[in-house]
């Protein structure tokens, strides 16, 4: 709950106004039955001819009309300001959650699934917003009305107080039983929403694969299974609420009958006025309605509290990779990268993914990494921009340990092309400018030309052509070339290519490598590749096997000294190319 309460300061003024209008509404509703009681009793006296009280009746009628209008205005004010409060708080909360998620390292993303993060940012915050909007009106209104109505009812007749006591006792039992029955199911609702979100994302993103293997029926059954679990759980909670409300209506009706029955006897005995009995009925209804509001809160707040905890988990999770207190900025970076006895293992893993990795990559040269699948190539280069932090050893940039540098200046000095060439919805220009926001047309054209993205010029709108979500309207090779251009436009001293040429044909690959040589002649190049032809001209090739360096040197040197490299080369190159 603290995760929400701290946001009240952003809407403190609206909260105060909402509570002020709420108090006015409650007092108005409590005053109305009292005015009605006076008017009825005075009217009965006047009808019996005992006194001419018509003016008094008219005065009370005008007062009742005024109080009713005040009550309506206050209700509108409560609704307006409570909605405003919840909207402001949820907006700020969404901003903070998004900001915190953007600070997460890969370790935190491994902890929270993407589907869960989306649910927490959308559905969970929506639940909190509804609780804040409804809670202001019900959580505060119900106790004021309940306590006020009991006090006013006792003033009218203390002899019938036992009726209210019995009604309240039964209502409390009903609410406690309903709450204890529904709570376990409410707790798992959000997890089921997480699950259905995950399956939906997998189905939508993998639709081509599902169709290719004619697996639609299996996926439909998989989705339907989770959908049914969500439906049954939600239905159970709603049915519990549906049972409570009619039972409360029955209690309300029996309370009215009891008040009329025993009130009529008191009137006959001269101990109670008719108007007082009518007011007592109204106050009794207010008490029961207050408990009805409380029951609605008890059904909805547990779900919202679970959402609060889920959102709080994000807000209170501190990124494992942050700037040191005395971190320094990179000044005039040259791009020399050195690994010194680096060991790394993932969180909670028993074995090291990388062990005793040592090498130096210098400006003007290309350092390439090759090895079998799972040898640790991508993990290794992900350590340089601190997507993960090393377990032991050190990685230096221009002789400074990267953990002593600010993350912003470190990553700003690296042009990174990930294994999956992800593009954002927008235009080709907006995607290229992700690398450098102030890039001019000439620089973008040069980067696109170097990345062999001549296809952009053939598009109807050229660089202003639209890119769909994840770049789904361009081919895999085109995505990779645009991702490379995005890194090139940045013109950093270090370039990292994580198997970024895999979707290119051999001709385009060769042309791209030739163009890159002149474009990045003074930069440090780090390339992860599966094809020997992509890296055979690199000044330094590092061969990885099961997280360890088993070979280091040029193409010709490794053919003679490293059997793992020769095996890979023999499987890809012609015999004459091996000589």
Protein backbone atom coordinates (compact mmCIF):
# COMPACT_ATOMS: atom_id res chain seq x y z
CA UNK A 1 0.00 0.00 0.00
CA UNK A 2 2.95 2.33 0.62
CA UNK A 3 3.70 2.14 -3.10
CA UNK A 4 0.38 3.94 -3.72
CA UNK A 5 0.16 6.20 -0.68
CA UNK A 6 3.40 7.97 -1.58
CA UNK A 7 1.74 9.15 -4.80
CA UNK A 8 -1.06 10.95 -2.95
CA UNK A 9 1.19 14.00 -2.66
CA UNK A 10 0.91 14.51 -6.43
CA UNK A 11 -2.86 14.97 -6.08
CA UNK A 12 -3.12 16.19 -2.48
CA UNK A 13 -5.25 19.20 -3.44
CA UNK A 14 -7.75 17.09 -5.34
CA UNK A 15 -7.85 14.58 -2.48
CA UNK A 16 -8.69 17.38 -0.01
CA UNK A 17 -11.43 18.78 -2.27
CA UNK A 18 -12.85 15.32 -2.83
CA UNK A 19 -13.00 14.62 0.92
CA UNK A 20 -14.56 18.06 1.58
CA UNK A 21 -17.34 17.42 -0.94
CA UNK A 22 -17.75 13.90 0.48
CA UNK A 23 -18.34 15.27 3.99
CA UNK A 24 -20.87 17.76 2.62
CA UNK A 25 -22.68 14.95 0.76
CA UNK A 26 -22.75 12.71 3.84
CA UNK A 27 -24.05 15.47 6.14
CA UNK A 28 -26.69 16.44 3.58
CA UNK A 29 -27.96 12.88 3.30
CA UNK A 30 -28.02 12.57 7.09
CA UNK A 31 -29.95 15.84 7.42
CA UNK A 32 -32.66 15.00 4.86
CA UNK A 33 -34.51 12.30 6.89
CA UNK A 34 -34.53 14.63 9.91
CA UNK A 35 -36.16 17.42 7.86
CA UNK A 36 -38.64 14.93 6.44
CA UNK A 37 -39.50 13.74 9.95
CA UNK A 38 -40.22 17.30 11.13
CA UNK A 39 -42.32 18.07 8.05
CA UNK A 40 -44.39 14.87 8.33
CA UNK A 41 -45.09 15.30 12.03
CA UNK A 42 -46.00 18.99 11.56
CA UNK A 43 -48.21 18.12 8.56
CA UNK A 44 -50.11 15.49 10.56
CA UNK A 45 -50.73 18.04 13.30
CA UNK A 46 -51.95 20.55 10.71
CA UNK A 47 -54.25 17.99 9.03
CA UNK A 48 -55.82 17.20 12.40
CA UNK A 49 -56.78 20.89 12.61
CA UNK A 50 -54.87 21.41 15.79
CA UNK A 51 -52.59 24.12 14.44
CA UNK A 52 -52.05 26.02 11.18
CA UNK A 53 -48.55 24.93 10.29
CA UNK A 54 -48.70 25.26 6.48
CA UNK A 55 -45.99 27.92 6.40
CA UNK A 56 -43.71 25.70 8.47
CA UNK A 57 -44.36 22.77 6.11
CA UNK A 58 -43.50 24.93 3.09
CA UNK A 59 -40.33 26.13 4.82
CA UNK A 60 -39.26 22.55 5.55
CA UNK A 61 -40.05 21.59 1.96
CA UNK A 62 -37.83 24.38 0.63
CA UNK A 63 -35.09 23.33 3.07
CA UNK A 64 -35.37 19.71 1.89
CA UNK A 65 -35.14 20.83 -1.75
CA UNK A 66 -32.08 22.95 -0.96
CA UNK A 67 -30.37 20.13 0.95
CA UNK A 68 -31.18 17.69 -1.88
CA UNK A 69 -29.63 20.05 -4.46
CA UNK A 70 -26.59 20.51 -2.19
CA UNK A 71 -26.32 16.72 -1.93
CA UNK A 72 -26.40 16.36 -5.74
CA UNK A 73 -23.76 19.07 -6.21
CA UNK A 74 -21.54 17.49 -3.56
CA UNK A 75 -21.90 14.04 -5.18
CA UNK A 76 -20.84 15.51 -8.54
CA UNK A 77 -17.88 17.22 -6.84
CA UNK A 78 -16.80 13.97 -5.13
CA UNK A 79 -17.02 12.06 -8.40
CA UNK A 80 -15.10 14.71 -10.35
CA UNK A 81 -12.24 15.19 -7.89
CA UNK A 82 -11.87 11.49 -6.97
CA UNK A 83 -11.63 10.64 -10.67
CA UNK A 84 -9.11 13.44 -11.14
CA UNK A 85 -7.09 12.12 -8.19
CA UNK A 86 -6.98 8.55 -9.47
CA UNK A 87 -6.09 9.68 -13.02
CA UNK A 88 -3.17 11.84 -11.82
CA UNK A 89 -1.80 9.13 -9.52
CA UNK A 90 -2.09 6.35 -12.13
CA UNK A 91 -0.39 8.57 -14.75
CA UNK A 92 2.53 9.23 -12.41
CA UNK A 93 2.69 5.57 -11.42
CA UNK A 94 2.75 4.40 -15.06
CA UNK A 95 5.55 6.90 -15.72
CA UNK A 96 7.59 5.64 -12.77
CA UNK A 97 7.04 1.97 -13.66
CA UNK A 98 8.07 2.59 -17.28
CA UNK A 99 11.13 4.56 -16.16
CA UNK A 100 12.15 1.87 -13.69
CA UNK A 101 11.72 -0.91 -16.27
CA UNK A 102 13.88 1.06 -18.74
CA UNK A 103 16.62 1.05 -16.06
CA UNK A 104 16.46 -2.72 -15.58
CA UNK A 105 19.42 -4.80 -16.65
CA UNK A 106 19.04 -8.17 -18.33
CA UNK A 107 19.09 -9.75 -14.85
CA UNK A 108 15.84 -7.99 -13.90
CA UNK A 109 14.24 -8.87 -17.23
CA UNK A 110 15.10 -12.50 -16.50
CA UNK A 111 13.25 -12.11 -13.17
CA UNK A 112 10.12 -10.41 -14.58
CA UNK A 113 8.76 -11.84 -17.82
CA UNK A 114 7.84 -9.40 -20.60
CA UNK A 115 4.18 -10.48 -20.41
CA UNK A 116 4.12 -9.84 -16.66
CA UNK A 117 5.71 -6.41 -17.04
CA UNK A 118 3.07 -5.42 -19.59
CA UNK A 119 0.25 -6.65 -17.34
CA UNK A 120 1.67 -4.79 -14.36
CA UNK A 121 2.03 -1.57 -16.34
CA UNK A 122 -1.50 -1.72 -17.77
CA UNK A 123 -4.01 -3.97 -16.02
CA UNK A 124 -2.56 -3.73 -12.51
CA UNK A 125 -2.33 0.06 -12.56
CA UNK A 126 -5.89 0.16 -13.95
CA UNK A 127 -7.01 -1.87 -10.93
CA UNK A 128 -5.27 0.59 -8.61
CA UNK A 129 -6.87 3.54 -10.43
CA UNK A 130 -10.32 2.01 -9.99
CA UNK A 131 -9.63 1.39 -6.31
CA UNK A 132 -8.56 5.00 -5.78
CA UNK A 133 -11.59 6.35 -7.63
CA UNK A 134 -14.06 4.08 -5.88
CA UNK A 135 -12.22 3.99 -2.57
CA UNK A 136 -12.44 7.74 -2.03
CA UNK A 137 -16.19 7.62 -2.47
CA UNK A 138 -16.89 4.41 -0.62
CA UNK A 139 -14.05 3.83 1.82
CA UNK A 140 -14.61 7.21 3.49
CA UNK A 141 -18.27 7.73 2.67
CA UNK A 142 -19.52 4.41 4.05
CA UNK A 143 -18.12 4.83 7.61
CA UNK A 144 -19.35 8.44 7.85
CA UNK A 145 -22.81 7.42 6.70
CA UNK A 146 -22.88 4.27 8.81
CA UNK A 147 -21.78 5.89 12.08
CA UNK A 148 -23.80 9.05 11.44
CA UNK A 149 -26.95 7.07 10.66
CA UNK A 150 -26.59 4.97 13.83
CA UNK A 151 -26.22 8.11 15.95
CA UNK A 152 -29.22 9.81 14.29
CA UNK A 153 -31.33 6.64 14.54
CA UNK A 154 -30.60 6.31 18.26
CA UNK A 155 -31.64 9.94 18.73
CA UNK A 156 -34.98 9.16 17.13
CA UNK A 157 -35.61 5.97 19.11
CA UNK A 158 -33.24 4.09 21.40
CA UNK A 159 -35.80 1.35 22.04
CA UNK A 160 -35.37 -0.09 18.53
CA UNK A 161 -31.57 -0.07 18.63
CA UNK A 162 -31.53 -3.86 18.92
CA UNK A 163 -32.92 -4.09 15.37
CA UNK A 164 -29.91 -2.24 14.00
CA UNK A 165 -27.55 -4.31 16.19
CA UNK A 166 -28.96 -7.59 14.81
CA UNK A 167 -28.86 -6.30 11.22
CA UNK A 168 -25.27 -5.07 11.56
CA UNK A 169 -24.18 -8.36 13.18
CA UNK A 170 -25.66 -10.44 10.35
CA UNK A 171 -24.08 -8.13 7.77
CA UNK A 172 -20.65 -8.43 9.38
CA UNK A 173 -20.87 -12.24 9.35
CA UNK A 174 -21.94 -12.16 5.70
CA UNK A 175 -19.05 -9.88 4.68
CA UNK A 176 -16.43 -11.89 6.60
CA UNK A 177 -17.62 -15.20 5.12
CA UNK A 178 -17.79 -13.75 1.59
CA UNK A 179 -14.36 -12.20 1.95
CA UNK A 180 -12.72 -15.41 3.21
CA UNK A 181 -14.30 -17.46 0.39
CA UNK A 182 -13.38 -15.06 -2.45
CA UNK A 183 -9.92 -13.95 -1.33
CA UNK A 184 -7.96 -17.08 -2.42
CA UNK A 185 -9.43 -16.83 -5.92
CA UNK A 186 -8.81 -13.08 -6.14
CA UNK A 187 -5.12 -13.66 -5.41
CA UNK A 188 -4.63 -15.80 -8.53
CA UNK A 189 -6.65 -13.62 -10.93
CA UNK A 190 -3.72 -11.35 -11.87
CA UNK A 191 -1.39 -14.33 -12.35
CA UNK A 192 -3.91 -15.82 -14.76
CA UNK A 193 -4.04 -12.51 -16.65
CA UNK A 194 -0.23 -12.65 -16.85
CA UNK A 195 -0.48 -16.15 -18.26
CA UNK A 196 -3.12 -15.33 -20.87
CA UNK A 197 -1.07 -12.29 -21.91
CA UNK A 198 2.00 -14.48 -22.33
CA UNK A 199 0.20 -17.08 -24.46
CA UNK A 200 -1.43 -14.36 -26.59
CA UNK A 201 1.95 -12.72 -27.26
CA UNK A 202 3.52 -16.05 -28.17
CA UNK A 203 0.68 -16.88 -30.55
CA UNK A 204 0.70 -13.50 -32.26
CA UNK A 205 4.48 -13.29 -32.64
CA UNK A 206 4.77 -16.94 -33.69
CA UNK A 207 1.77 -17.09 -36.03
CA UNK A 208 3.91 -17.90 -39.09
CA UNK A 209 5.53 -20.87 -37.32
CA UNK A 210 2.17 -22.10 -36.00
CA UNK A 211 0.66 -22.02 -39.50
CA UNK A 212 3.74 -23.59 -41.07
CA UNK A 213 3.39 -26.64 -38.80
CA UNK A 214 -0.45 -26.67 -38.96
CA UNK A 215 -0.46 -26.32 -35.19
CA UNK A 216 -3.44 -23.97 -34.91
CA UNK A 217 -5.67 -26.51 -33.15
CA UNK A 218 -3.07 -27.23 -30.46
CA UNK A 219 -2.52 -23.51 -29.81
CA UNK A 220 -6.27 -22.90 -29.67
CA UNK A 221 -6.60 -25.64 -27.03
CA UNK A 222 -3.66 -24.19 -25.11
CA UNK A 223 -5.20 -20.73 -25.13
CA UNK A 224 -8.66 -22.07 -24.32
CA UNK A 225 -7.32 -23.95 -21.29
CA UNK A 226 -5.90 -20.77 -19.75
CA UNK A 227 -8.94 -18.76 -20.87
CA UNK A 228 -11.22 -21.23 -19.09
CA UNK A 229 -9.17 -21.01 -15.90
CA UNK A 230 -9.51 -17.22 -15.98
CA UNK A 231 -13.24 -17.45 -16.75
CA UNK A 232 -13.92 -19.91 -13.91
CA UNK A 233 -11.92 -17.90 -11.37
CA UNK A 234 -13.51 -14.61 -12.41
CA UNK A 235 -16.97 -16.19 -12.40
CA UNK A 236 -16.44 -17.54 -8.88
CA UNK A 237 -15.52 -14.08 -7.58
CA UNK A 238 -18.44 -12.44 -9.39
CA UNK A 239 -20.88 -15.09 -8.16
CA UNK A 240 -19.71 -14.53 -4.60
CA UNK A 241 -20.43 -10.83 -5.02
CA UNK A 242 -23.75 -11.62 -6.70
CA UNK A 243 -24.81 -13.72 -3.71
CA UNK A 244 -23.81 -11.09 -1.15
CA UNK A 245 -25.79 -8.25 -2.73
CA UNK A 246 -29.22 -10.02 -2.80
CA UNK A 247 -28.67 -11.26 0.75
CA UNK A 248 -28.02 -7.68 1.84
CA UNK A 249 -31.21 -6.60 0.09
CA UNK A 250 -33.13 -9.28 2.01
CA UNK A 251 -31.59 -8.08 5.29
CA UNK A 252 -32.53 -4.52 4.34
CA UNK A 253 -36.15 -5.51 3.68
CA UNK A 254 -36.44 -7.52 6.90
CA UNK A 255 -34.95 -4.59 8.81
CA UNK A 256 -37.59 -2.28 7.28
CA UNK A 257 -40.37 -4.71 8.25
CA UNK A 258 -39.01 -4.96 11.80
CA UNK A 259 -38.79 -1.16 12.14
CA UNK A 260 -42.36 -0.71 10.83
CA UNK A 261 -43.71 -3.52 13.04
CA UNK A 262 -42.15 -2.40 16.27
CA UNK A 263 -42.37 1.28 15.33
CA UNK A 264 -46.13 0.96 14.82
CA UNK A 265 -46.47 -0.45 18.32
CA UNK A 266 -44.40 2.44 19.70
CA UNK A 267 -46.59 4.95 17.81
CA UNK A 268 -49.72 3.27 19.16
CA UNK A 269 -48.27 3.58 22.67
CA UNK A 270 -47.45 7.26 22.05
CA UNK A 271 -43.70 6.69 22.46
CA UNK A 272 -42.83 7.49 18.80
CA UNK A 273 -44.01 9.90 16.11
CA UNK A 274 -44.81 8.72 12.55
CA UNK A 275 -42.18 11.06 11.11
CA UNK A 276 -39.56 9.73 13.50
CA UNK A 277 -40.35 6.16 12.41
CA UNK A 278 -39.98 7.13 8.73
CA UNK A 279 -36.67 8.83 9.52
CA UNK A 280 -35.57 5.74 11.48
CA UNK A 281 -36.28 3.58 8.42
CA UNK A 282 -34.16 5.93 6.28
CA UNK A 283 -31.29 5.81 8.74
CA UNK A 284 -31.50 2.02 8.94
CA UNK A 285 -31.32 1.88 5.13
CA UNK A 286 -28.28 4.16 5.24
CA UNK A 287 -26.57 1.79 7.69
CA UNK A 288 -27.24 -1.24 5.49
CA UNK A 289 -26.21 0.63 2.34
CA UNK A 290 -22.97 1.57 4.08
CA UNK A 291 -22.26 -2.11 4.67
CA UNK A 292 -23.16 -2.82 1.04
CA UNK A 293 -20.55 -0.29 -0.01
CA UNK A 294 -18.06 -1.86 2.39
CA UNK A 295 -18.76 -5.32 0.92
CA UNK A 296 -18.07 -3.97 -2.56
CA UNK A 297 -14.80 -2.52 -1.30
CA UNK A 298 -13.87 -5.82 0.37
CA UNK A 299 -14.37 -7.63 -2.92
CA UNK A 300 -12.45 -5.11 -5.06
CA UNK A 301 -9.73 -3.90 -2.71
CA UNK A 302 -8.04 -7.32 -2.26
CA UNK A 303 -7.58 -7.55 -6.02
CA UNK A 304 -6.29 -3.98 -6.08
CA UNK A 305 -3.95 -4.70 -3.15
CA UNK A 306 -2.48 -7.61 -5.09
CA UNK A 307 -1.97 -5.19 -7.99
CA UNK A 308 -0.35 -2.72 -5.59
CA UNK A 309 2.11 -5.41 -4.48
CA UNK A 310 2.85 -6.41 -8.06
CA UNK A 311 3.50 -2.81 -9.12
CA UNK A 312 5.42 -2.26 -5.88
CA UNK A 313 7.68 -5.19 -6.78
CA UNK A 314 8.80 -3.26 -9.86
CA UNK A 315 9.14 0.10 -8.13
CA UNK A 316 11.11 -1.36 -5.21
CA UNK A 317 13.36 -3.56 -7.34
CA UNK A 318 16.63 -1.73 -7.66
CA UNK A 319 18.53 -2.39 -10.90
CA UNK A 320 21.51 -4.63 -10.27
CA UNK A 321 23.60 -2.55 -12.67
CA UNK A 322 23.86 1.09 -11.64
CA UNK A 323 26.40 3.88 -11.60
CA UNK A 324 28.91 3.87 -8.77
CA UNK A 325 28.80 6.82 -6.42
CA UNK A 326 32.07 8.18 -7.85
CA UNK A 327 31.58 6.98 -11.44
CA UNK A 328 33.31 9.09 -14.09
CA UNK A 329 32.35 9.99 -17.65
CA UNK A 330 34.39 8.81 -20.60
CA UNK A 331 36.28 11.79 -21.99
CA UNK A 332 37.53 11.61 -25.58
CA UNK A 333 37.16 7.79 -25.78
CA UNK A 334 39.61 5.94 -28.03
CA UNK A 335 37.97 2.52 -27.94
CA UNK A 336 40.56 0.16 -26.45
CA UNK A 337 38.75 -2.80 -24.82
CA UNK A 338 40.55 -5.32 -22.64
CA UNK A 339 39.28 -8.40 -20.81
CA UNK A 340 41.40 -9.52 -17.85
CA UNK A 341 40.67 -12.99 -16.40
CA UNK A 342 36.91 -12.50 -16.76
CA UNK A 343 34.57 -15.07 -15.21
CA UNK A 344 30.78 -14.85 -15.56
CA UNK A 345 27.76 -16.89 -14.56
CA UNK A 346 24.08 -16.05 -14.62
CA UNK A 347 22.13 -15.37 -11.44
CA UNK A 348 21.47 -18.56 -9.46
CA UNK A 349 23.46 -20.62 -11.99
CA UNK A 350 25.93 -23.21 -10.72
CA UNK A 351 28.39 -23.21 -13.62
CA UNK A 352 30.32 -20.39 -15.24
CA UNK A 353 29.19 -19.42 -18.74
CA UNK A 354 32.55 -17.74 -19.35
CA UNK A 355 35.79 -18.70 -17.62
CA UNK A 356 39.19 -16.97 -17.59
CA UNK A 357 38.60 -14.78 -20.66
CA UNK A 358 41.54 -12.48 -21.48
CA UNK A 359 42.17 -10.51 -24.69
CA UNK A 360 42.65 -6.95 -25.94
CA UNK A 361 40.79 -5.23 -28.80
CA UNK A 362 42.46 -2.08 -30.10
CA UNK A 363 41.27 0.76 -32.38
CA UNK A 364 41.68 0.24 -36.11
CA UNK A 365 41.48 -3.53 -35.81
CA UNK A 366 38.70 -6.12 -35.97
CA UNK A 367 38.37 -8.70 -33.22
CA UNK A 368 36.04 -11.56 -34.14
CA UNK A 369 34.48 -14.30 -32.03
CA UNK A 370 33.47 -17.70 -33.35
CA UNK A 371 32.50 -21.00 -31.79
CA UNK A 372 29.76 -23.57 -31.57
CA UNK A 373 26.25 -22.69 -30.45
CA UNK A 374 26.19 -22.03 -26.69
CA UNK A 375 29.90 -21.34 -26.44
CA UNK A 376 29.28 -17.92 -24.84
CA UNK A 377 29.95 -15.55 -27.77
CA UNK A 378 26.86 -13.33 -27.32
CA UNK A 379 27.21 -13.41 -23.53
CA UNK A 380 30.78 -12.16 -23.85
CA UNK A 381 29.98 -9.10 -25.95
CA UNK A 382 26.90 -8.32 -23.79
CA UNK A 383 29.29 -7.75 -20.88
CA UNK A 384 30.95 -4.77 -22.60
CA UNK A 385 27.93 -2.38 -22.50
CA UNK A 386 27.12 -3.82 -19.02
CA UNK A 387 23.91 -5.58 -19.94
CA UNK A 388 25.25 -8.00 -17.33
CA UNK A 389 28.04 -7.43 -14.81
CA UNK A 390 30.95 -9.85 -14.66
CA UNK A 391 31.30 -12.23 -11.73
CA UNK A 392 35.06 -11.69 -11.34
CA UNK A 393 37.98 -10.23 -13.25
CA UNK A 394 37.79 -6.89 -15.04
CA UNK A 395 36.86 -5.29 -18.35
CA UNK A 396 38.54 -1.99 -19.14
CA UNK A 397 37.70 0.72 -21.64
CA UNK A 398 40.75 2.88 -22.41
CA UNK A 399 42.34 1.45 -19.28
CA UNK A 400 39.40 2.32 -16.99
CA UNK A 401 37.27 -0.45 -15.45
CA UNK A 402 33.84 -0.15 -17.06
CA UNK A 403 32.25 -0.42 -13.61
CA UNK A 404 33.96 2.86 -12.72
CA UNK A 405 32.39 4.60 -15.74
CA UNK A 406 28.90 6.06 -15.93
CA UNK A 407 26.61 3.71 -17.82
CA UNK A 408 25.39 6.56 -20.01
CA UNK A 409 28.87 7.58 -21.25
CA UNK A 410 29.91 3.92 -21.68
CA UNK A 411 26.96 2.99 -23.84
CA UNK A 412 27.09 6.30 -25.68
CA UNK A 413 30.56 5.35 -26.90
CA UNK A 414 29.43 1.98 -28.30
CA UNK A 415 27.53 1.23 -31.50
CA UNK A 416 25.65 -2.00 -30.77
CA UNK A 417 23.90 -4.18 -33.36
CA UNK A 418 21.99 -6.98 -31.58
CA UNK A 419 21.52 -10.51 -32.81
CA UNK A 420 17.90 -9.76 -33.63
CA UNK A 421 17.63 -6.65 -35.81
CA UNK A 422 14.75 -5.06 -33.95
CA UNK A 423 13.13 -1.99 -35.51
CA UNK A 424 10.57 0.35 -33.98
CA UNK A 425 7.26 1.43 -35.49
CA UNK A 426 7.68 4.73 -37.31
CA UNK A 427 9.72 5.60 -40.38
CA UNK A 428 13.14 4.50 -41.59
CA UNK A 429 14.41 7.97 -40.67
CA UNK A 430 13.09 7.76 -37.10
CA UNK A 431 14.71 4.34 -36.70
CA UNK A 432 18.08 5.57 -38.00
CA UNK A 433 17.89 8.61 -35.72
CA UNK A 434 17.51 6.29 -32.74
CA UNK A 435 21.30 5.95 -33.06
CA UNK A 436 21.85 9.71 -33.31
CA UNK A 437 18.95 12.10 -32.87
CA UNK A 438 20.60 15.03 -34.66
CA UNK A 439 21.91 13.05 -37.65
CA UNK A 440 21.58 15.01 -40.89
CA UNK A 441 20.45 13.62 -44.25
CA UNK A 442 24.02 13.29 -45.57
CA UNK A 443 25.18 11.24 -42.56
CA UNK A 444 22.10 8.98 -42.72
CA UNK A 445 22.60 8.43 -46.47
CA UNK A 446 26.26 7.51 -45.87
CA UNK A 447 25.33 5.07 -43.09
CA UNK A 448 22.62 3.44 -45.24
CA UNK A 449 25.00 3.16 -48.19
CA UNK A 450 27.70 1.56 -46.02
CA UNK A 451 25.12 -0.89 -44.60
CA UNK A 452 24.19 -1.86 -48.18
CA UNK A 453 20.63 -0.60 -47.62
CA UNK A 454 20.17 0.66 -51.18
CA UNK A 455 16.65 -0.79 -51.12
CA UNK A 456 15.58 2.31 -49.15
CA UNK A 457 16.04 4.49 -52.24
CA UNK A 458 13.76 2.15 -54.22
CA UNK A 459 10.89 2.56 -51.73
CA UNK A 460 8.11 4.99 -52.77
CA UNK A 461 8.75 7.32 -49.82
CA UNK A 462 12.45 6.62 -49.49
CA UNK A 463 13.81 7.32 -46.02
CA UNK A 464 10.31 8.43 -44.93
CA UNK A 465 8.84 4.98 -45.64
CA UNK A 466 6.83 3.52 -42.78
CA UNK A 467 8.19 0.69 -40.65
CA UNK A 468 5.64 -1.58 -38.95
CA UNK A 469 5.96 -2.83 -35.38
CA UNK A 470 9.18 -4.88 -34.99
CA UNK A 471 9.93 -4.18 -38.69
CA UNK A 472 7.50 -6.85 -39.82
CA UNK A 473 6.98 -5.18 -43.24
CA UNK A 474 10.63 -5.62 -44.29
CA UNK A 475 12.66 -8.81 -44.73
CA UNK A 476 15.12 -10.21 -42.21
CA UNK A 477 18.11 -9.07 -44.26
CA UNK A 478 16.67 -5.57 -44.65
CA UNK A 479 16.06 -5.36 -40.88
CA UNK A 480 19.66 -6.31 -40.22
CA UNK A 481 21.00 -3.71 -42.63
CA UNK A 482 18.82 -0.97 -41.15
CA UNK A 483 19.95 -1.99 -37.64
CA UNK A 484 23.57 -1.77 -38.83
CA UNK A 485 22.93 1.69 -40.34
CA UNK A 486 21.41 2.78 -37.01
CA UNK A 487 24.69 1.89 -35.26
CA UNK A 488 26.89 3.39 -37.99
CA UNK A 489 25.18 6.78 -37.87
CA UNK A 490 26.27 7.07 -34.24
CA UNK A 491 29.98 7.04 -35.28
CA UNK A 492 31.27 5.71 -31.92
CA UNK A 493 34.83 4.53 -31.26
CA UNK A 494 33.62 0.94 -30.64
CA UNK A 495 31.28 -1.17 -32.79
CA UNK A 496 29.78 -4.45 -31.61
CA UNK A 497 28.09 -6.74 -34.15
CA UNK A 498 26.37 -9.71 -32.52
CA UNK A 499 25.93 -12.15 -35.41
CA UNK A 500 24.47 -9.24 -37.39
CA UNK A 501 25.27 -10.60 -40.85
CA UNK A 502 23.48 -13.97 -40.57
CA UNK A 503 20.51 -12.96 -42.76
CA UNK A 504 22.69 -11.52 -45.55
CA UNK A 505 23.68 -13.40 -48.69
CA UNK A 506 27.40 -13.92 -49.31
CA UNK A 507 27.60 -11.16 -51.94
CA UNK A 508 25.95 -8.55 -49.69
CA UNK A 509 28.03 -9.78 -46.75
CA UNK A 510 31.26 -9.26 -48.67
CA UNK A 511 30.21 -5.81 -49.93
CA UNK A 512 29.18 -4.76 -46.42
CA UNK A 513 32.45 -5.88 -44.86
CA UNK A 514 34.42 -4.00 -47.51
CA UNK A 515 32.39 -0.83 -46.94
CA UNK A 516 32.69 -1.18 -43.16
CA UNK A 517 36.48 -1.36 -43.38
CA UNK A 518 36.73 2.17 -44.76
CA UNK A 519 33.86 3.59 -42.68
CA UNK A 520 35.22 2.28 -39.36
CA UNK A 521 38.97 2.33 -40.10
CA UNK A 522 39.85 4.07 -36.81
CA UNK A 523 37.27 2.29 -34.64
CA UNK A 524 37.45 -0.90 -32.62
CA UNK A 525 35.36 -3.63 -34.26
CA UNK A 526 34.00 -6.58 -32.29
CA UNK A 527 32.16 -9.13 -34.40
CA UNK A 528 30.35 -12.31 -33.41
CA UNK A 529 29.78 -14.57 -36.40
CA UNK A 530 28.91 -18.10 -37.40
CA UNK A 531 30.38 -17.86 -40.91
CA UNK A 532 34.15 -18.10 -41.27
CA UNK A 533 33.97 -16.03 -44.48
CA UNK A 534 32.63 -13.09 -42.45
CA UNK A 535 35.61 -12.97 -40.07
CA UNK A 536 38.52 -14.59 -41.92
CA UNK A 537 40.12 -11.20 -42.65
CA UNK A 538 39.93 -10.01 -39.02
CA UNK A 539 43.21 -9.04 -37.35
CA UNK A 540 42.28 -11.15 -34.30
CA UNK A 541 39.96 -14.13 -34.15
CA UNK A 542 39.01 -15.62 -30.79
CA UNK A 543 37.63 -19.17 -30.75
CA UNK A 544 35.33 -20.05 -27.86
CA UNK A 545 34.32 -23.52 -26.69
CA UNK A 546 32.17 -24.09 -23.60
CA UNK A 547 32.91 -20.59 -22.33
CA UNK A 548 36.69 -20.79 -22.65
CA UNK A 549 39.15 -19.42 -25.19
CA UNK A 550 40.61 -22.35 -27.12
CA UNK A 551 42.23 -20.35 -29.89
CA UNK A 552 43.42 -16.82 -30.62
CA UNK A 553 45.10 -15.44 -33.74
CA UNK A 554 44.56 -14.76 -37.43
CA UNK A 555 42.69 -17.04 -39.84
CA UNK A 556 45.88 -18.66 -41.12
CA UNK A 557 47.36 -19.10 -37.67
CA UNK A 558 44.22 -20.73 -36.27
CA UNK A 559 43.99 -23.17 -39.17
CA UNK A 560 47.34 -24.53 -37.99
CA UNK A 561 47.02 -24.24 -34.21
CA UNK A 562 43.33 -24.64 -33.31
CA UNK A 563 41.51 -27.84 -34.22
CA UNK A 564 38.08 -26.40 -33.25
CA UNK A 565 38.53 -23.51 -35.69
CA UNK A 566 39.77 -25.81 -38.43
CA UNK A 567 36.74 -28.07 -37.99
CA UNK A 568 34.42 -25.08 -38.38
CA UNK A 569 36.39 -23.80 -41.40
CA UNK A 570 36.44 -27.22 -43.10
CA UNK A 571 32.67 -27.48 -42.76
CA UNK A 572 32.16 -24.11 -44.50
CA UNK A 573 35.04 -23.43 -46.91
CA UNK A 574 36.30 -25.16 -50.00
CA UNK A 575 39.59 -27.05 -49.74
CA UNK A 576 41.54 -24.44 -51.71
CA UNK A 577 40.33 -21.69 -49.37
CA UNK A 578 41.88 -23.50 -46.41
CA UNK A 579 45.39 -23.29 -47.83
